[in-house]
Amino acid sequence: QVQLVESGGGLVQAGGSLRLSCAASGRTFSDYVMGWFRQAPGKEREFVAAIRWSSGSTYYADSVKGRFTISRDNAKKTVTLQMNSLKPEDTAVYYCAIRISYYSSGSLYYANDYDYWGQGTQVTVSS
């Protein structure tokens, strides 16, 4: 099993910044992907960003490109999402997830193709 614990959510004014972290523990995999998704009230869970652990390759939703940065700490098995220039439409519960293989079927952009999830952390951006 894998456990994921997110931290760092909160309330911020538009234009501000927040930093989310996700610590992973339990089983390890050789070529996995860690991703961030978010879900606003009444909306489906949507892809935000992902990182391929072996290579460090990063992937972003168009809506966050240039504002959010995903990074990893191999030693701590932690992934971080630095969110800058936040907008009210970024308000959502943010979830960390693991896709156990980069080569798994489906796509790293789809929530259904991830295998383990954290409990989520609330991010609220006021206007």
Foldseek 3Di string as FASTA:
>chain_A
DKAKAKDWADEEAAQAKTKMKIFMDDDAADWKKKFKWWDDPPDDIFGAKMATVPPRDIDGDPVQPPFWDWGADVVRRMIMIIGGRDDQVVWTWMKMFMQRHCPDPDHPGDPVNTDDIYPTDTHGYHD
